[in-house]
């Protein structure tokens, strides 16, 4: 009996546009901006401990899976990298590493403007539409009210908790089915 193979999933777009934002593939010159915003104490507050180089790690995910995290920048006026939004397998959390996570991280000055929701909605729609993913999860620190609000605005719902060894606590798993 011949082996049945699933057709390959289409690769994600290299660039997505929203009314205010451009989600694009990474460039080497993005490394200082993403490293600086990731080191900011308020940004890091609810994150797993990690260090760079970020751009190479993000691009490696793209090469392996055909999708990944996009660098986030304003369309007008053009500004340096504001952070990232996109899709990744959360390999740091084996219990859900087989799922695709939608995640976001923005520089502190970009908070409170609806940019995370705008960008994440574009990534969500691309993942569930063009890529045909069956659903998405978000892994959120239980005290991170801002990310909980973003997830809720994306149509996600809290569906459980998983122990996160790097953080030493149970994190929330938010889910959205296609």
N, C-alpha and C. Protein backbone atom coordinates (compact mmCIF):
# COMPACT_ATOMS: atom_id res chain seq x y z
N UNK A 1 0.84 -1.18 0.00
CA UNK A 1 0.00 0.00 0.00
C UNK A 1 0.89 1.24 0.00
N UNK A 2 0.67 2.19 -0.91
CA UNK A 2 1.53 3.37 -0.98
C UNK A 2 1.33 4.26 0.24
N UNK A 3 2.42 4.90 0.62
CA UNK A 3 2.38 5.83 1.76
C UNK A 3 1.62 7.08 1.36
N UNK A 4 0.73 7.54 2.23
CA UNK A 4 -0.04 8.75 1.97
C UNK A 4 0.71 9.93 2.58
N UNK A 5 0.96 10.91 1.76
CA UNK A 5 1.64 12.11 2.24
C UNK A 5 0.71 13.31 2.10
N UNK A 6 0.78 14.15 3.09
CA UNK A 6 0.03 15.40 3.00
C UNK A 6 0.75 16.33 2.04
N UNK A 7 0.01 17.09 1.26
CA UNK A 7 0.68 18.05 0.39
C UNK A 7 1.42 19.08 1.25
N UNK A 8 2.52 19.59 0.76
CA UNK A 8 3.25 20.58 1.56
C UNK A 8 2.40 21.81 1.80
N UNK A 9 2.54 22.37 2.99
CA UNK A 9 1.82 23.58 3.35
C UNK A 9 2.46 24.75 2.61
N UNK A 10 1.67 25.69 2.12
CA UNK A 10 2.27 26.85 1.45
C UNK A 10 3.12 27.64 2.43
N UNK A 11 4.15 28.27 1.92
CA UNK A 11 5.00 29.12 2.77
C UNK A 11 4.27 30.42 3.06
N UNK A 12 4.57 30.97 4.21
CA UNK A 12 3.97 32.24 4.60
C UNK A 12 4.50 33.37 3.73
N UNK A 13 3.73 34.41 3.61
CA UNK A 13 4.14 35.59 2.87
C UNK A 13 5.33 36.24 3.56
N UNK A 14 6.26 36.75 2.77
CA UNK A 14 7.41 37.45 3.33
C UNK A 14 7.01 38.79 3.94
N UNK A 15 5.87 39.32 3.52
CA UNK A 15 5.43 40.62 4.01
C UNK A 15 3.91 40.66 4.08
N UNK A 16 3.39 41.22 5.15
CA UNK A 16 1.96 41.50 5.30
C UNK A 16 1.82 42.98 5.61
N UNK A 17 0.77 43.60 5.09
CA UNK A 17 0.52 45.01 5.36
C UNK A 17 -0.82 45.18 6.06
N UNK A 18 -0.84 46.08 7.02
CA UNK A 18 -2.07 46.50 7.67
C UNK A 18 -2.19 48.01 7.41
N UNK A 19 -3.27 48.64 7.83
CA UNK A 19 -3.36 50.08 7.58
C UNK A 19 -2.16 50.89 8.11
N UNK A 20 -1.61 50.49 9.27
CA UNK A 20 -0.51 51.26 9.85
C UNK A 20 0.83 50.55 9.86
N UNK A 21 0.84 49.25 9.59
CA UNK A 21 2.04 48.45 9.86
C UNK A 21 2.50 47.61 8.68
N UNK A 22 3.77 47.29 8.70
CA UNK A 22 4.37 46.33 7.77
C UNK A 22 4.96 45.21 8.63
N UNK A 23 4.54 43.99 8.34
CA UNK A 23 5.14 42.80 8.94
C UNK A 23 6.04 42.22 7.85
N UNK A 24 7.32 42.08 8.11
CA UNK A 24 8.25 41.67 7.08
C UNK A 24 9.29 40.71 7.63
N UNK A 25 9.98 40.04 6.70
CA UNK A 25 11.08 39.16 7.09
C UNK A 25 12.20 40.00 7.70
N UNK A 26 13.05 39.32 8.40
CA UNK A 26 14.12 39.96 9.16
C UNK A 26 15.31 40.35 8.31
N UNK A 27 16.00 41.41 8.74
CA UNK A 27 17.26 41.86 8.16
C UNK A 27 18.31 41.88 9.27
N UNK A 28 19.54 41.70 8.91
CA UNK A 28 20.62 41.71 9.91
C UNK A 28 20.60 43.00 10.73
N UNK A 29 20.27 44.12 10.10
CA UNK A 29 20.29 45.40 10.83
C UNK A 29 19.16 45.53 11.86
N UNK A 30 18.24 44.56 11.91
CA UNK A 30 17.19 44.57 12.94
C UNK A 30 17.70 44.08 14.30
N UNK A 31 18.83 43.39 14.31
CA UNK A 31 19.32 42.77 15.56
C UNK A 31 19.46 43.77 16.71
N UNK A 32 20.10 44.93 16.54
CA UNK A 32 20.21 45.84 17.69
C UNK A 32 18.86 46.30 18.24
N UNK A 33 17.90 46.58 17.37
CA UNK A 33 16.59 47.04 17.84
C UNK A 33 15.85 45.95 18.60
N UNK A 34 15.85 44.71 18.07
CA UNK A 34 15.13 43.63 18.75
C UNK A 34 15.83 43.25 20.05
N UNK A 35 17.15 43.31 20.07
CA UNK A 35 17.88 43.02 21.31
C UNK A 35 17.60 44.09 22.37
N UNK A 36 17.58 45.35 21.97
CA UNK A 36 17.33 46.43 22.92
C UNK A 36 15.93 46.35 23.49
N UNK A 37 14.93 46.15 22.64
CA UNK A 37 13.56 46.11 23.18
C UNK A 37 13.35 44.86 24.03
N UNK A 38 14.00 43.76 23.68
CA UNK A 38 13.86 42.53 24.47
C UNK A 38 14.57 42.63 25.81
N UNK A 39 15.51 43.56 25.95
CA UNK A 39 16.22 43.76 27.22
C UNK A 39 15.51 44.75 28.15
N UNK A 40 14.53 45.47 27.62
CA UNK A 40 13.82 46.46 28.44
C UNK A 40 13.09 45.76 29.59
N UNK A 41 13.26 46.22 30.82
CA UNK A 41 12.66 45.52 31.98
C UNK A 41 11.15 45.34 31.89
N UNK A 42 10.41 46.33 31.40
CA UNK A 42 8.96 46.18 31.31
C UNK A 42 8.57 45.19 30.22
N UNK A 43 9.33 45.13 29.14
CA UNK A 43 9.05 44.18 28.06
C UNK A 43 9.37 42.77 28.54
N UNK A 44 10.48 42.59 29.23
CA UNK A 44 10.95 41.28 29.68
C UNK A 44 10.15 40.69 30.84
N UNK A 45 9.39 41.51 31.51
CA UNK A 45 8.74 41.12 32.76
C UNK A 45 8.06 39.75 32.71
N UNK A 46 7.37 39.41 31.64
CA UNK A 46 6.61 38.17 31.56
C UNK A 46 7.18 37.16 30.56
N UNK A 47 8.44 37.33 30.17
CA UNK A 47 9.04 36.48 29.14
C UNK A 47 9.97 35.43 29.71
N UNK A 48 10.13 34.34 28.96
CA UNK A 48 11.17 33.36 29.28
C UNK A 48 12.52 34.04 29.19
N UNK A 49 13.47 33.60 30.02
CA UNK A 49 14.82 34.15 29.86
C UNK A 49 15.40 33.72 28.51
N UNK A 50 15.89 34.66 27.74
CA UNK A 50 16.52 34.34 26.45
C UNK A 50 17.43 35.48 26.06
N UNK A 51 18.34 35.16 25.19
CA UNK A 51 19.25 36.17 24.68
C UNK A 51 19.38 35.98 23.17
N UNK A 52 20.01 36.93 22.53
CA UNK A 52 20.22 36.86 21.09
C UNK A 52 21.31 35.86 20.75
N UNK A 53 21.63 35.73 19.49
CA UNK A 53 21.12 36.57 18.41
C UNK A 53 19.71 36.16 18.02
N UNK A 54 18.84 37.12 17.99
CA UNK A 54 17.44 36.88 17.70
C UNK A 54 17.18 36.63 16.22
N UNK A 55 17.72 37.50 15.37
CA UNK A 55 17.40 37.45 13.94
C UNK A 55 17.75 36.08 13.35
N UNK A 56 18.91 35.55 13.67
CA UNK A 56 19.29 34.24 13.13
C UNK A 56 18.35 33.15 13.62
N UNK A 57 17.95 33.19 14.87
CA UNK A 57 17.02 32.20 15.41
C UNK A 57 15.66 32.31 14.73
N UNK A 58 15.18 33.53 14.54
CA UNK A 58 13.89 33.73 13.88
C UNK A 58 13.93 33.24 12.43
N UNK A 59 15.00 33.56 11.72
CA UNK A 59 15.12 33.14 10.32
C UNK A 59 15.30 31.63 10.21
N UNK A 60 15.95 31.00 11.17
CA UNK A 60 16.09 29.53 11.16
C UNK A 60 14.71 28.87 11.24
N UNK A 61 13.80 29.43 12.04
CA UNK A 61 12.44 28.89 12.12
C UNK A 61 11.76 29.00 10.76
N UNK A 62 11.92 30.14 10.08
CA UNK A 62 11.35 30.30 8.74
C UNK A 62 11.87 29.22 7.80
N UNK A 63 13.18 28.99 7.80
CA UNK A 63 13.77 28.01 6.89
C UNK A 63 13.25 26.60 7.19
N UNK A 64 13.05 26.28 8.45
CA UNK A 64 12.60 24.95 8.83
C UNK A 64 11.11 24.73 8.57
N UNK A 65 10.28 25.73 8.88
CA UNK A 65 8.83 25.53 8.88
C UNK A 65 8.07 26.27 7.77
N UNK A 66 8.72 27.19 7.09
CA UNK A 66 8.04 27.94 6.04
C UNK A 66 7.20 29.09 6.57
N UNK A 67 7.29 29.36 7.87
CA UNK A 67 6.62 30.50 8.49
C UNK A 67 7.41 30.87 9.74
N UNK A 68 7.09 32.02 10.31
CA UNK A 68 7.80 32.43 11.50
C UNK A 68 7.32 33.77 12.01
N UNK A 69 8.19 34.42 12.74
CA UNK A 69 7.92 35.74 13.29
C UNK A 69 8.33 36.79 12.27
N UNK A 70 7.48 37.79 12.09
CA UNK A 70 7.80 38.91 11.21
C UNK A 70 8.30 40.07 12.04
N UNK A 71 9.27 40.81 11.51
CA UNK A 71 9.65 42.08 12.10
C UNK A 71 8.49 43.05 11.88
N UNK A 72 8.29 43.92 12.82
CA UNK A 72 7.15 44.83 12.79
C UNK A 72 7.65 46.26 12.70
N UNK A 73 7.13 47.00 11.72
CA UNK A 73 7.50 48.41 11.60
C UNK A 73 6.29 49.21 11.13
N UNK A 74 6.31 50.50 11.41
CA UNK A 74 5.26 51.39 10.92
C UNK A 74 5.44 51.59 9.41
N UNK A 75 4.32 51.74 8.72
CA UNK A 75 4.39 52.02 7.28
C UNK A 75 4.76 53.47 7.04
N UNK A 76 4.15 54.39 7.77
CA UNK A 76 4.43 55.83 7.63
C UNK A 76 4.35 56.47 9.00
N UNK A 77 5.27 57.28 9.41
CA UNK A 77 6.58 57.39 8.80
C UNK A 77 7.38 56.11 9.08
N UNK A 78 8.28 55.77 8.18
CA UNK A 78 9.09 54.57 8.37
C UNK A 78 9.89 54.74 9.65
N UNK A 79 9.82 53.75 10.50
CA UNK A 79 10.49 53.80 11.80
C UNK A 79 11.31 52.52 11.98
N UNK A 80 12.22 52.52 12.93
CA UNK A 80 12.96 51.29 13.18
C UNK A 80 12.03 50.17 13.66
N UNK A 81 12.54 48.99 13.69
CA UNK A 81 11.79 47.81 14.12
C UNK A 81 11.11 48.07 15.46
N UNK A 82 9.78 47.87 15.50
CA UNK A 82 9.00 48.08 16.71
C UNK A 82 8.87 46.81 17.54
N UNK A 83 9.28 45.67 16.97
CA UNK A 83 9.11 44.40 17.67
C UNK A 83 8.83 43.31 16.67
N UNK A 84 8.03 42.32 17.10
CA UNK A 84 7.66 41.25 16.19
C UNK A 84 6.27 40.75 16.48
N UNK A 85 5.71 40.11 15.48
CA UNK A 85 4.44 39.41 15.57
C UNK A 85 4.56 38.23 14.63
N UNK A 86 4.00 37.09 15.00
CA UNK A 86 4.02 36.00 14.06
C UNK A 86 3.77 34.64 14.66
N UNK A 87 4.26 33.65 13.95
CA UNK A 87 3.93 32.26 14.20
C UNK A 87 5.19 31.46 14.49
N UNK A 88 5.11 30.56 15.47
CA UNK A 88 6.28 29.73 15.80
C UNK A 88 5.84 28.50 16.57
N UNK A 89 6.62 27.46 16.43
CA UNK A 89 6.44 26.28 17.28
C UNK A 89 7.15 26.56 18.60
N UNK A 90 6.46 26.51 19.73
CA UNK A 90 7.08 26.84 21.01
C UNK A 90 7.92 25.67 21.55
N UNK A 91 9.09 25.47 20.97
CA UNK A 91 9.94 24.33 21.32
C UNK A 91 10.39 24.37 22.78
N UNK A 92 10.35 25.52 23.41
CA UNK A 92 10.74 25.64 24.82
C UNK A 92 9.72 25.01 25.75
N UNK A 93 8.55 24.64 25.23
CA UNK A 93 7.47 24.09 26.04
C UNK A 93 6.98 22.80 25.39
N UNK A 94 7.65 21.67 25.68
CA UNK A 94 7.37 20.42 24.97
C UNK A 94 5.90 19.99 24.96
N UNK A 95 5.13 20.31 25.98
CA UNK A 95 3.73 19.89 26.03
C UNK A 95 2.89 20.45 24.89
N UNK A 96 3.30 21.60 24.34
CA UNK A 96 2.53 22.22 23.25
C UNK A 96 3.41 22.53 22.03
N UNK A 97 4.61 21.98 21.98
CA UNK A 97 5.55 22.29 20.89
C UNK A 97 5.02 21.85 19.52
N UNK A 98 4.08 20.93 19.49
CA UNK A 98 3.50 20.47 18.21
C UNK A 98 2.48 21.46 17.66
N UNK A 99 2.03 22.40 18.47
CA UNK A 99 1.06 23.41 18.05
C UNK A 99 1.78 24.63 17.49
N UNK A 100 1.06 25.49 16.82
CA UNK A 100 1.64 26.75 16.33
C UNK A 100 1.14 27.87 17.23
N UNK A 101 2.10 28.60 17.76
CA UNK A 101 1.79 29.74 18.63
C UNK A 101 1.80 31.02 17.82
N UNK A 102 0.84 31.89 18.10
CA UNK A 102 0.90 33.26 17.59
C UNK A 102 1.39 34.10 18.76
N UNK A 103 2.42 34.87 18.49
CA UNK A 103 3.03 35.67 19.55
C UNK A 103 3.31 37.08 19.09
N UNK A 104 3.57 37.94 20.06
CA UNK A 104 3.84 39.35 19.79
C UNK A 104 4.75 39.88 20.86
N UNK A 105 5.59 40.81 20.48
CA UNK A 105 6.46 41.54 21.42
C UNK A 105 6.72 42.90 20.80
N UNK A 106 6.34 43.94 21.51
CA UNK A 106 6.51 45.30 21.01
C UNK A 106 7.37 46.11 21.95
N UNK A 107 8.10 47.08 21.39
CA UNK A 107 8.89 48.02 22.18
C UNK A 107 7.94 48.81 23.08
N UNK A 108 8.39 49.16 24.24
CA UNK A 108 7.56 49.85 25.23
C UNK A 108 6.87 51.10 24.66
N UNK A 109 7.56 51.95 23.86
CA UNK A 109 6.86 53.14 23.32
C UNK A 109 5.71 52.81 22.37
N UNK A 110 5.63 51.59 21.87
CA UNK A 110 4.56 51.21 20.94
C UNK A 110 3.34 50.63 21.66
N UNK A 111 3.39 50.50 22.97
CA UNK A 111 2.27 49.93 23.71
C UNK A 111 1.09 50.90 23.75
N UNK A 112 -0.11 50.36 23.91
CA UNK A 112 -1.30 51.17 24.13
C UNK A 112 -1.86 51.86 22.90
N UNK A 113 -1.44 51.45 21.71
CA UNK A 113 -1.89 52.08 20.47
C UNK A 113 -2.68 51.12 19.58
N UNK A 114 -2.92 49.90 20.07
CA UNK A 114 -3.64 48.92 19.27
C UNK A 114 -2.79 48.24 18.20
N UNK A 115 -1.48 48.45 18.23
CA UNK A 115 -0.60 47.89 17.21
C UNK A 115 -0.46 46.38 17.33
N UNK A 116 -0.41 45.87 18.55
CA UNK A 116 -0.28 44.41 18.74
C UNK A 116 -1.51 43.70 18.17
N UNK A 117 -2.69 44.21 18.45
CA UNK A 117 -3.91 43.59 17.93
C UNK A 117 -3.96 43.70 16.40
N UNK A 118 -3.63 44.86 15.86
CA UNK A 118 -3.67 45.06 14.41
C UNK A 118 -2.72 44.09 13.70
N UNK A 119 -1.50 43.98 14.20
CA UNK A 119 -0.51 43.10 13.57
C UNK A 119 -0.85 41.63 13.79
N UNK A 120 -1.25 41.28 15.01
CA UNK A 120 -1.56 39.89 15.30
C UNK A 120 -2.80 39.42 14.54
N UNK A 121 -3.76 40.31 14.31
CA UNK A 121 -4.94 39.93 13.52
C UNK A 121 -4.53 39.61 12.08
N UNK A 122 -3.60 40.37 11.52
CA UNK A 122 -3.12 40.08 10.17
C UNK A 122 -2.40 38.73 10.14
N UNK A 123 -1.58 38.46 11.15
CA UNK A 123 -0.86 37.18 11.22
C UNK A 123 -1.85 36.03 11.41
N UNK A 124 -2.85 36.22 12.27
CA UNK A 124 -3.88 35.20 12.50
C UNK A 124 -4.63 34.88 11.21
N UNK A 125 -5.07 35.91 10.52
CA UNK A 125 -5.84 35.71 9.30
C UNK A 125 -5.00 34.99 8.24
N UNK A 126 -3.73 35.34 8.14
CA UNK A 126 -2.84 34.69 7.18
C UNK A 126 -2.62 33.22 7.56
N UNK A 127 -2.45 32.96 8.85
CA UNK A 127 -2.21 31.59 9.32
C UNK A 127 -3.41 30.69 9.06
N UNK A 128 -4.60 31.17 9.39
CA UNK A 128 -5.80 30.35 9.26
C UNK A 128 -6.32 30.32 7.82
N UNK A 129 -6.04 31.38 7.05
CA UNK A 129 -6.50 31.45 5.67
C UNK A 129 -5.48 30.88 4.71
N UNK A 130 -4.50 31.68 4.35
CA UNK A 130 -3.52 31.29 3.33
C UNK A 130 -2.72 30.04 3.69
N UNK A 131 -2.36 29.91 4.96
CA UNK A 131 -1.55 28.75 5.37
C UNK A 131 -2.41 27.53 5.73
N UNK A 132 -3.68 27.75 5.97
CA UNK A 132 -4.58 26.64 6.28
C UNK A 132 -4.30 25.94 7.59
N UNK A 133 -3.74 26.65 8.55
CA UNK A 133 -3.50 26.04 9.86
C UNK A 133 -4.83 25.74 10.55
N UNK A 134 -4.93 24.64 11.28
CA UNK A 134 -6.20 24.28 11.91
C UNK A 134 -6.53 25.10 13.15
N UNK A 135 -5.56 25.81 13.67
CA UNK A 135 -5.78 26.62 14.85
C UNK A 135 -4.47 27.18 15.35
N UNK A 136 -4.57 28.03 16.37
CA UNK A 136 -3.40 28.68 16.96
C UNK A 136 -3.53 28.67 18.47
N UNK A 137 -2.40 28.76 19.13
CA UNK A 137 -2.38 28.97 20.57
C UNK A 137 -1.55 30.21 20.87
N UNK A 138 -1.71 30.73 22.06
CA UNK A 138 -0.83 31.74 22.63
C UNK A 138 -0.48 31.31 24.03
N UNK A 139 0.76 31.47 24.37
CA UNK A 139 1.25 31.13 25.71
C UNK A 139 1.45 32.44 26.44
N UNK A 140 0.71 32.61 27.54
CA UNK A 140 0.67 33.91 28.21
C UNK A 140 0.91 33.73 29.71
N UNK A 141 1.80 34.55 30.25
CA UNK A 141 2.04 34.59 31.69
C UNK A 141 0.72 34.96 32.37
N UNK A 142 0.36 34.28 33.46
CA UNK A 142 -0.96 34.52 34.07
C UNK A 142 -1.18 35.93 34.61
N UNK A 143 -0.13 36.72 34.76
CA UNK A 143 -0.29 38.10 35.24
C UNK A 143 -0.22 39.12 34.11
N UNK A 144 -0.04 38.68 32.88
CA UNK A 144 0.14 39.59 31.75
C UNK A 144 -1.22 39.99 31.17
N UNK A 145 -1.84 40.98 31.80
CA UNK A 145 -3.18 41.42 31.40
C UNK A 145 -3.20 42.00 29.98
N UNK A 146 -2.16 42.68 29.58
CA UNK A 146 -2.11 43.26 28.23
C UNK A 146 -2.19 42.16 27.17
N UNK A 147 -1.38 41.11 27.32
CA UNK A 147 -1.42 40.02 26.33
C UNK A 147 -2.72 39.25 26.40
N UNK A 148 -3.30 39.12 27.58
CA UNK A 148 -4.61 38.46 27.69
C UNK A 148 -5.66 39.24 26.89
N UNK A 149 -5.60 40.58 26.96
CA UNK A 149 -6.56 41.40 26.20
C UNK A 149 -6.33 41.25 24.69
N UNK A 150 -5.06 41.20 24.27
CA UNK A 150 -4.79 41.01 22.84
C UNK A 150 -5.37 39.67 22.39
N UNK A 151 -5.09 38.61 23.14
CA UNK A 151 -5.59 37.28 22.78
C UNK A 151 -7.12 37.28 22.70
N UNK A 152 -7.78 37.89 23.66
CA UNK A 152 -9.24 37.94 23.64
C UNK A 152 -9.75 38.69 22.41
N UNK A 153 -9.11 39.80 22.06
CA UNK A 153 -9.52 40.56 20.87
C UNK A 153 -9.29 39.78 19.58
N UNK A 154 -8.37 38.82 19.60
CA UNK A 154 -8.14 37.96 18.44
C UNK A 154 -9.16 36.83 18.35
N UNK A 155 -10.03 36.72 19.36
CA UNK A 155 -11.03 35.65 19.37
C UNK A 155 -10.56 34.40 20.09
N UNK A 156 -9.44 34.49 20.80
CA UNK A 156 -8.90 33.35 21.52
C UNK A 156 -9.59 33.22 22.88
N UNK A 157 -9.53 32.02 23.43
CA UNK A 157 -10.09 31.77 24.76
C UNK A 157 -9.09 30.96 25.58
N UNK A 158 -9.07 31.22 26.85
CA UNK A 158 -8.22 30.46 27.77
C UNK A 158 -8.70 29.01 27.78
N UNK A 159 -7.78 28.07 27.50
CA UNK A 159 -8.20 26.67 27.44
C UNK A 159 -7.43 25.77 28.41
N UNK A 160 -6.46 26.31 29.12
CA UNK A 160 -5.73 25.50 30.08
C UNK A 160 -4.45 26.15 30.53
N UNK A 161 -3.70 25.37 31.30
CA UNK A 161 -2.41 25.81 31.84
C UNK A 161 -1.38 24.71 31.62
N UNK A 162 -0.13 25.11 31.44
CA UNK A 162 0.98 24.18 31.26
C UNK A 162 2.16 24.70 32.08
N UNK A 163 2.83 23.78 32.74
CA UNK A 163 4.02 24.19 33.50
C UNK A 163 5.13 24.61 32.54
N UNK A 164 5.69 25.79 32.78
CA UNK A 164 6.77 26.33 31.97
C UNK A 164 8.07 26.24 32.78
N UNK A 165 8.91 25.23 32.51
CA UNK A 165 10.13 25.06 33.30
C UNK A 165 11.06 26.28 33.32
N UNK A 166 11.29 26.98 32.19
CA UNK A 166 12.19 28.13 32.28
C UNK A 166 11.70 29.22 33.25
N UNK A 167 10.38 29.34 33.41
CA UNK A 167 9.83 30.35 34.30
C UNK A 167 9.50 29.79 35.68
N UNK A 168 9.38 28.47 35.77
CA UNK A 168 9.05 27.86 37.05
C UNK A 168 7.62 28.09 37.50
N UNK A 169 6.69 28.22 36.56
CA UNK A 169 5.29 28.42 36.92
C UNK A 169 4.40 27.92 35.79
N UNK A 170 3.12 27.82 36.09
CA UNK A 170 2.12 27.41 35.08
C UNK A 170 1.73 28.64 34.27
N UNK A 171 1.83 28.53 32.95
CA UNK A 171 1.42 29.60 32.05
C UNK A 171 0.09 29.25 31.42
N UNK A 172 -0.60 30.27 30.96
CA UNK A 172 -1.90 30.07 30.33
C UNK A 172 -1.72 29.67 28.87
N UNK A 173 -2.59 28.80 28.41
CA UNK A 173 -2.66 28.45 27.00
C UNK A 173 -4.00 28.98 26.48
N UNK A 174 -3.91 29.91 25.57
CA UNK A 174 -5.09 30.46 24.90
C UNK A 174 -5.17 29.82 23.53
N UNK A 175 -6.38 29.57 23.05
CA UNK A 175 -6.54 28.79 21.81
C UNK A 175 -7.59 29.42 20.91
N UNK A 176 -7.40 29.19 19.61
CA UNK A 176 -8.36 29.60 18.60
C UNK A 176 -8.35 28.55 17.51
N UNK A 177 -9.50 27.98 17.22
CA UNK A 177 -9.63 27.02 16.13
C UNK A 177 -10.04 27.74 14.86
N UNK A 178 -9.62 27.19 13.73
CA UNK A 178 -9.96 27.79 12.43
C UNK A 178 -11.45 27.74 12.20
